[in-house]
Amino acid sequence: MNKAVEEVEENLHGGVGLVHITKGNLEKILIPLPPLDVQNQIVSDICTHEAEIERLEASILTERNRISEVLAHVWGEDSDLGAVDQ
């Protein structure tokens, strides 16, 4: 990425504080990518982390609902709670 930034900086036109690069110049810049196997591993790692986040979010929601039910039962606001794990 540093090389791409250097290329953009070399192709800048305009006054101080103004940045201008043409579409053609931008299309000429090659941005290196990691090998395909590394890209696939990155995607796999992201998917694993997203699945874990979804699992944890579901667990948080379940626990929040359980807390709400217990509090409602304690305050006598819910007669359908049944037995509460203590």
C-alpha atoms as a PDB file:
ATOM      1  CA  MET A   1       0.000   0.000   0.000  1.00  0.00           C
ATOM      2  CA  ASN A   2       2.884   2.359   0.691  1.00  0.00           C
ATOM      3  CA  LYS A   3       4.010   1.992  -2.910  1.00  0.00           C
ATOM      4  CA  ALA A   4       0.490   2.821  -4.140  1.00  0.00           C
ATOM      5  CA  VAL A   5       0.425   5.898  -1.903  1.00  0.00           C
ATOM      6  CA  GLU A   6       3.807   6.959  -3.265  1.00  0.00           C
ATOM      7  CA  GLU A   7       2.507   6.606  -6.821  1.00  0.00           C
ATOM      8  CA  VAL A   8      -0.544   8.719  -6.009  1.00  0.00           C
ATOM      9  CA  GLU A   9       1.646  11.385  -4.410  1.00  0.00           C
ATOM     10  CA  GLU A  10       3.934  11.413  -7.457  1.00  0.00           C
ATOM     11  CA  ASN A  11       0.950  11.945  -9.761  1.00  0.00           C
ATOM     12  CA  LEU A  12      -0.696  14.725  -7.771  1.00  0.00           C
ATOM     13  CA  HIS A  13      -1.543  17.926  -9.598  1.00  0.00           C
ATOM     14  CA  GLY A  14      -2.930  21.213  -8.283  1.00  0.00           C
ATOM     15  CA  GLY A  15      -2.124  23.800  -5.697  1.00  0.00           C
ATOM     16  CA  VAL A  16      -1.280  23.473  -2.063  1.00  0.00           C
ATOM     17  CA  GLY A  17      -3.985  21.517  -0.265  1.00  0.00           C
ATOM     18  CA  LEU A  18      -5.624  20.413  -3.497  1.00  0.00           C
ATOM     19  CA  VAL A  19      -5.348  16.800  -4.515  1.00  0.00           C
ATOM     20  CA  HIS A  20      -6.196  15.733  -8.028  1.00  0.00           C
ATOM     21  CA  ILE A  21      -5.557  12.410  -9.671  1.00  0.00           C
ATOM     22  CA  THR A  22      -7.179  11.361 -12.910  1.00  0.00           C
ATOM     23  CA  LYS A  23      -9.142   8.163 -13.275  1.00  0.00           C
ATOM     24  CA  GLY A  24      -6.587   7.004 -15.813  1.00  0.00           C
ATOM     25  CA  ASN A  25      -3.707   7.526 -13.398  1.00  0.00           C
ATOM     26  CA  LEU A  26      -5.615   5.790 -10.626  1.00  0.00           C
ATOM     27  CA  GLU A  27      -6.319   2.786 -12.869  1.00  0.00           C
ATOM     28  CA  LYS A  28      -2.584   2.453 -13.612  1.00  0.00           C
ATOM     29  CA  ILE A  29      -1.691   1.954  -9.949  1.00  0.00           C
ATOM     30  CA  LEU A  30      -1.136  -1.659  -9.049  1.00  0.00           C
ATOM     31  CA  ILE A  31      -2.143  -2.592  -5.524  1.00  0.00           C
ATOM     32  CA  PRO A  32      -0.420  -5.785  -4.427  1.00  0.00           C
ATOM     33  CA  LEU A  33      -2.616  -8.524  -3.001  1.00  0.00           C
ATOM     34  CA  PRO A  34      -1.525 -11.454  -0.890  1.00  0.00           C
ATOM     35  CA  PRO A  35      -1.505 -14.880  -2.569  1.00  0.00           C
ATOM     36  CA  LEU A  36      -4.915 -16.498  -3.050  1.00  0.00           C
ATOM     37  CA  ASP A  37      -4.345 -19.058  -0.280  1.00  0.00           C
ATOM     38  CA  VAL A  38      -3.619 -16.209   2.170  1.00  0.00           C
ATOM     39  CA  GLN A  39      -6.727 -14.335   0.983  1.00  0.00           C
ATOM     40  CA  ASN A  40      -8.798 -17.489   1.511  1.00  0.00           C
ATOM     41  CA  GLN A  41      -7.378 -17.910   5.018  1.00  0.00           C
ATOM     42  CA  ILE A  42      -8.242 -14.296   5.820  1.00  0.00           C
ATOM     43  CA  VAL A  43     -11.822 -14.848   4.628  1.00  0.00           C
ATOM     44  CA  SER A  44     -12.044 -18.066   6.642  1.00  0.00           C
ATOM     45  CA  ASP A  45     -10.773 -16.318   9.784  1.00  0.00           C
ATOM     46  CA  ILE A  46     -13.279 -13.478   9.321  1.00  0.00           C
ATOM     47  CA  CYS A  47     -16.142 -15.951   8.850  1.00  0.00           C
ATOM     48  CA  THR A  48     -15.093 -17.816  11.998  1.00  0.00           C
ATOM     49  CA  HIS A  49     -15.029 -14.578  13.990  1.00  0.00           C
ATOM     50  CA  GLU A  50     -18.396 -13.461  12.581  1.00  0.00           C
ATOM     51  CA  ALA A  51     -19.955 -16.800  13.560  1.00  0.00           C
ATOM     52  CA  GLU A  52     -18.545 -16.438  17.084  1.00  0.00           C
ATOM     53  CA  ILE A  53     -19.895 -12.884  17.319  1.00  0.00           C
ATOM     54  CA  GLU A  54     -23.361 -14.077  16.230  1.00  0.00           C
ATOM     55  CA  ARG A  55     -23.235 -16.903  18.805  1.00  0.00           C
ATOM     56  CA  LEU A  56     -22.232 -14.497  21.567  1.00  0.00           C
ATOM     57  CA  GLU A  57     -24.891 -11.944  20.563  1.00  0.00           C
ATOM     58  CA  ALA A  58     -27.553 -14.681  20.713  1.00  0.00           C
ATOM     59  CA  SER A  59     -26.258 -15.725  24.141  1.00  0.00           C
ATOM     60  CA  ILE A  60     -26.383 -12.128  25.370  1.00  0.00           C
ATOM     61  CA  LEU A  61     -29.969 -11.769  24.136  1.00  0.00           C
ATOM     62  CA  THR A  62     -30.960 -15.010  25.853  1.00  0.00           C
ATOM     63  CA  GLU A  63     -29.417 -13.883  29.128  1.00  0.00           C
ATOM     64  CA  ARG A  64     -31.027 -10.424  28.914  1.00  0.00           C
ATOM     65  CA  ASN A  65     -34.417 -12.053  28.366  1.00  0.00           C
ATOM     66  CA  ARG A  66     -33.811 -14.402  31.287  1.00  0.00           C
ATOM     67  CA  ILE A  67     -32.873 -11.471  33.537  1.00  0.00           C
ATOM     68  CA  SER A  68     -36.015  -9.601  32.459  1.00  0.00           C
ATOM     69  CA  GLU A  69     -38.169 -12.642  33.218  1.00  0.00           C
ATOM     70  CA  VAL A  70     -36.580 -13.111  36.646  1.00  0.00           C
ATOM     71  CA  LEU A  71     -37.017  -9.429  37.505  1.00  0.00           C
ATOM     72  CA  ALA A  72     -40.623  -9.506  36.342  1.00  0.00           C
ATOM     73  CA  HIS A  73     -41.214 -12.564  38.516  1.00  0.00           C
ATOM     74  CA  VAL A  74     -39.517 -10.959  41.533  1.00  0.00           C
ATOM     75  CA  TRP A  75     -41.654  -7.839  41.145  1.00  0.00           C
ATOM     76  CA  GLY A  76     -44.803  -9.912  40.633  1.00  0.00           C
ATOM     77  CA  GLU A  77     -45.330  -8.711  37.079  1.00  0.00           C
ATOM     78  CA  ASP A  78     -45.338 -12.132  35.444  1.00  0.00           C
ATOM     79  CA  SER A  79     -47.385 -15.115  36.511  1.00  0.00           C
ATOM     80  CA  ASP A  80     -46.357 -17.290  33.528  1.00  0.00           C
ATOM     81  CA  LEU A  81     -42.684 -17.602  34.504  1.00  0.00           C
ATOM     82  CA  GLY A  82     -43.023 -20.976  36.205  1.00  0.00           C
ATOM     83  CA  ALA A  83     -40.017 -22.344  38.011  1.00  0.00           C
ATOM     84  CA  VAL A  84     -37.020 -20.069  38.021  1.00  0.00           C
ATOM     85  CA  ASP A  85     -33.514 -21.528  38.177  1.00  0.00           C
ATOM     86  CA  GLN A  86     -31.873 -20.268  41.334  1.00  0.00           C
END
